[in-house]
Amino acid sequence: MSSELEGLLRSLAGQRVLVVGDVMLDEYLFGGVRRVSPEAPVLVVDVDRITWAPGGAANVAANVRALGGEVSIVGLIGRDDAGRRLREQLDSMGVETGGLIEDPSRETTLKTRIIAGHQQVVRVDREKRDRPDTKVAKLLSGAITERLADAGAVVISDYDKGIIGQLTLDVVNTAKSQGRKVATTTDLSMHA
């Protein structure tokens, strides 16, 4: 977590933080290697255990909550198992997830890491980087506007998955004009 964000959190004791950005689910497959595949010169990992954790902007929200902050999140998820699992995890942590907008045309960004012993051997990404359509963008804008009224600060978390753009730049400008603190996990000028 950046020192900018840590300082922001300390200054916001008792206030709500709004996290806006690219949410994802991190999936970890742990196992051991006992052989090489006869099909190709690759390791065969026998999976012993699977775990999931919030990733991207969802990880930022989880960190804010773990540090004692009240937090709301706005982002896009698919209408799929990964989106359901991500929402459940954030809900169980005490993150307000009403701003997670389900877009049936996309799958929730899922980063799968396969770990053999103590070594990550591969990461598989499933994601859609397209900008949301007009209807979904309006839902996102409404979710942001609704939560901005109660937020003492806004954290923008961009992983180049399509949600950050003019919409978020408008949110930053609105938040700053209302005296809200704004922190980013990226350089917003690249989205201008």
Protein backbone atom coordinates (compact mmCIF):
# COMPACT_ATOMS: atom_id res chain seq x y z
CA MET A 1 0.00 0.00 0.00
CA SER A 2 1.36 3.42 -0.92
CA SER A 3 2.43 5.90 1.74
CA GLU A 4 -0.03 8.35 0.15
CA LEU A 5 -2.89 5.93 0.85
CA GLU A 6 -1.66 5.12 4.37
CA GLY A 7 -1.50 8.85 5.21
CA LEU A 8 -4.95 9.33 3.74
CA LEU A 9 -6.36 6.50 5.87
CA ARG A 10 -4.89 7.91 9.07
CA SER A 11 -6.47 11.29 8.34
CA LEU A 12 -9.89 9.74 7.78
CA ALA A 13 -10.57 7.98 11.06
CA GLY A 14 -14.33 7.48 11.27
CA GLN A 15 -15.01 8.60 7.69
CA ARG A 16 -16.07 6.52 4.70
CA VAL A 17 -13.66 5.88 1.81
CA LEU A 18 -15.01 5.29 -1.69
CA VAL A 19 -12.88 2.97 -3.83
CA VAL A 20 -13.56 3.14 -7.58
CA GLY A 21 -11.77 0.97 -10.09
CA ASP A 22 -10.99 -2.34 -11.68
CA VAL A 23 -12.06 -5.14 -9.35
CA MET A 24 -10.85 -8.68 -9.80
CA LEU A 25 -10.67 -11.99 -8.05
CA ASP A 26 -7.28 -13.58 -7.38
CA GLU A 27 -7.37 -17.38 -7.46
CA TYR A 28 -4.50 -19.52 -6.15
CA LEU A 29 -4.09 -23.20 -7.03
CA PHE A 30 -1.52 -24.87 -4.76
CA GLY A 31 -0.05 -28.29 -5.39
CA GLY A 32 2.97 -30.41 -5.98
CA VAL A 33 4.81 -31.60 -9.07
CA ARG A 34 5.42 -35.30 -9.42
CA ARG A 35 5.94 -35.62 -13.17
CA VAL A 36 6.30 -33.95 -16.54
CA SER A 37 3.44 -34.14 -19.03
CA PRO A 38 3.80 -36.72 -21.81
CA GLU A 39 1.98 -34.26 -24.14
CA ALA A 40 4.51 -31.43 -23.89
CA PRO A 41 7.59 -30.57 -21.82
CA VAL A 42 5.58 -28.94 -19.02
CA LEU A 43 5.12 -29.71 -15.34
CA VAL A 44 1.95 -31.44 -14.15
CA VAL A 45 0.71 -29.82 -10.94
CA ASP A 46 -1.51 -31.98 -8.73
CA VAL A 47 -3.76 -29.38 -7.08
CA ASP A 48 -4.16 -29.86 -3.32
CA ARG A 49 -5.85 -26.60 -2.38
CA ILE A 50 -7.57 -23.59 -3.96
CA THR A 51 -7.95 -20.18 -2.32
CA TRP A 52 -9.42 -16.86 -3.46
CA ALA A 53 -8.76 -13.25 -2.46
CA PRO A 54 -9.97 -9.83 -3.61
CA GLY A 55 -7.67 -8.38 -6.26
CA GLY A 56 -7.13 -5.03 -7.93
CA ALA A 57 -9.43 -2.32 -6.60
CA ALA A 58 -11.17 -4.97 -4.47
CA ASN A 59 -7.84 -5.59 -2.72
CA VAL A 60 -7.51 -1.86 -2.07
CA ALA A 61 -10.99 -1.85 -0.49
CA ALA A 62 -10.11 -4.92 1.61
CA ASN A 63 -6.93 -3.19 2.81
CA VAL A 64 -8.81 -0.01 3.74
CA ARG A 65 -11.28 -2.12 5.70
CA ALA A 66 -8.51 -4.15 7.39
CA LEU A 67 -6.97 -0.88 8.57
CA GLY A 68 -10.26 0.06 10.22
CA GLY A 69 -11.74 2.29 7.53
CA GLU A 70 -15.36 2.26 6.45
CA VAL A 71 -15.36 1.56 2.74
CA SER A 72 -17.67 1.40 -0.26
CA ILE A 73 -16.58 0.03 -3.62
CA VAL A 74 -17.73 0.74 -7.18
CA GLY A 75 -16.63 -1.50 -10.04
CA LEU A 76 -17.74 -3.97 -12.68
CA ILE A 77 -18.21 -7.69 -12.20
CA GLY A 78 -19.74 -10.32 -14.43
CA ARG A 79 -22.82 -12.34 -13.66
CA ASP A 80 -20.66 -15.37 -12.88
CA ASP A 81 -19.18 -17.47 -10.07
CA ALA A 82 -16.09 -15.24 -9.77
CA GLY A 83 -18.25 -12.14 -9.33
CA ARG A 84 -20.45 -13.87 -6.77
CA ARG A 85 -17.40 -15.12 -4.86
CA LEU A 86 -15.77 -11.66 -4.92
CA ARG A 87 -18.93 -9.96 -3.63
CA GLU A 88 -19.30 -12.56 -0.85
CA GLN A 89 -15.69 -12.11 0.24
CA LEU A 90 -15.96 -8.32 0.37
CA ASP A 91 -19.32 -8.51 2.17
CA SER A 92 -17.80 -10.82 4.80
CA MET A 93 -15.03 -8.27 5.37
CA GLY A 94 -17.52 -5.46 5.94
CA VAL A 95 -17.03 -3.68 2.60
CA GLU A 96 -20.22 -2.09 1.23
CA THR A 97 -20.66 -3.76 -2.19
CA GLY A 98 -23.87 -2.24 -3.53
CA GLY A 99 -21.74 -0.37 -6.08
CA LEU A 100 -20.49 -3.57 -7.73
CA ILE A 101 -22.38 -3.44 -11.00
CA GLU A 102 -23.09 -6.76 -12.75
CA ASP A 103 -22.48 -6.58 -16.48
CA PRO A 104 -23.83 -9.75 -18.13
CA SER A 105 -21.71 -9.09 -21.25
CA ARG A 106 -18.41 -9.53 -19.42
CA GLU A 107 -16.83 -12.00 -17.08
CA THR A 108 -15.35 -10.93 -13.78
CA THR A 109 -11.61 -10.41 -14.13
CA LEU A 110 -10.00 -13.54 -12.70
CA LYS A 111 -6.25 -13.96 -12.16
CA THR A 112 -5.34 -17.60 -11.54
CA ARG A 113 -1.91 -18.38 -10.16
CA ILE A 114 -0.70 -21.98 -10.19
CA ILE A 115 1.85 -22.62 -7.46
CA ALA A 116 3.92 -25.80 -7.28
CA GLY A 117 5.56 -26.14 -3.90
CA HIS A 118 6.67 -22.58 -3.18
CA GLN A 119 7.12 -21.54 -6.82
CA GLN A 120 4.54 -19.85 -9.02
CA VAL A 121 4.78 -21.66 -12.35
CA VAL A 122 2.18 -19.79 -14.38
CA ARG A 123 -0.57 -17.17 -14.16
CA VAL A 124 -3.72 -17.39 -16.27
CA ASP A 125 -5.72 -14.18 -16.81
CA ARG A 126 -9.40 -14.13 -17.81
CA GLU A 127 -10.58 -10.61 -18.43
CA LYS A 128 -12.32 -8.19 -20.75
CA ARG A 129 -10.68 -4.79 -21.27
CA ASP A 130 -13.48 -3.10 -23.23
CA ARG A 131 -15.11 0.04 -21.96
CA PRO A 132 -18.61 -0.57 -20.57
CA ASP A 133 -21.56 0.21 -22.82
CA THR A 134 -23.62 3.36 -22.24
CA LYS A 135 -26.22 1.66 -20.02
CA VAL A 136 -23.59 0.10 -17.74
CA ALA A 137 -21.58 3.36 -17.66
CA LYS A 138 -24.71 5.17 -16.41
CA LEU A 139 -25.17 2.56 -13.67
CA LEU A 140 -21.54 3.05 -12.63
CA SER A 141 -21.95 6.83 -12.64
CA GLY A 142 -25.07 6.57 -10.48
CA ALA A 143 -23.35 4.22 -8.02
CA ILE A 144 -20.42 6.61 -7.72
CA THR A 145 -22.60 9.70 -7.30
CA GLU A 146 -24.72 7.98 -4.63
CA ARG A 147 -21.67 6.91 -2.58
CA LEU A 148 -19.66 10.10 -3.08
CA ALA A 149 -22.11 12.02 -0.90
CA ASP A 150 -21.03 10.00 2.18
CA ALA A 151 -17.34 9.69 1.35
CA GLY A 152 -14.58 11.61 3.07
CA ALA A 153 -12.14 10.44 0.42
CA VAL A 154 -11.95 8.66 -2.91
CA VAL A 155 -9.35 6.13 -4.02
CA ILE A 156 -9.11 5.48 -7.76
CA SER A 157 -7.56 2.08 -8.54
CA ASP A 158 -6.78 1.48 -12.23
CA TYR A 159 -5.46 -1.77 -13.69
CA ASP A 160 -6.31 -0.92 -17.32
CA LYS A 161 -9.39 -3.16 -17.51
CA GLY A 162 -11.70 -0.60 -19.08
CA ILE A 163 -13.61 1.05 -16.23
CA ILE A 164 -11.28 4.02 -15.67
CA GLY A 165 -11.77 6.80 -18.15
CA GLN A 166 -13.57 10.08 -18.49
CA LEU A 167 -16.18 8.90 -15.97
CA THR A 168 -13.55 8.56 -13.28
CA LEU A 169 -11.82 11.80 -14.21
CA ASP A 170 -15.19 13.49 -13.74
CA VAL A 171 -15.51 11.83 -10.30
CA VAL A 172 -12.04 13.05 -9.31
CA ASN A 173 -12.88 16.60 -10.35
CA THR A 174 -16.23 16.49 -8.52
CA ALA A 175 -14.65 15.02 -5.38
CA LYS A 176 -11.90 17.63 -5.32
CA SER A 177 -14.38 20.46 -5.91
CA GLN A 178 -16.33 19.21 -2.86
CA GLY A 179 -13.19 19.21 -0.72
CA ARG A 180 -12.81 15.43 -0.68
CA LYS A 181 -9.35 13.90 -0.60
CA VAL A 182 -8.41 11.81 -3.64
CA ALA A 183 -5.69 9.19 -3.95
CA THR A 184 -4.90 7.14 -7.02
CA THR A 185 -3.02 3.93 -7.70
CA THR A 186 -2.13 5.20 -11.19
CA ASP A 187 -1.39 8.32 -13.16
CA LEU A 188 -4.82 9.55 -14.27
CA SER A 189 -3.29 11.83 -16.89
CA MET A 190 -2.78 8.78 -19.13
CA HIS A 191 -6.58 8.47 -19.40
CA ALA A 192 -7.21 12.04 -20.48
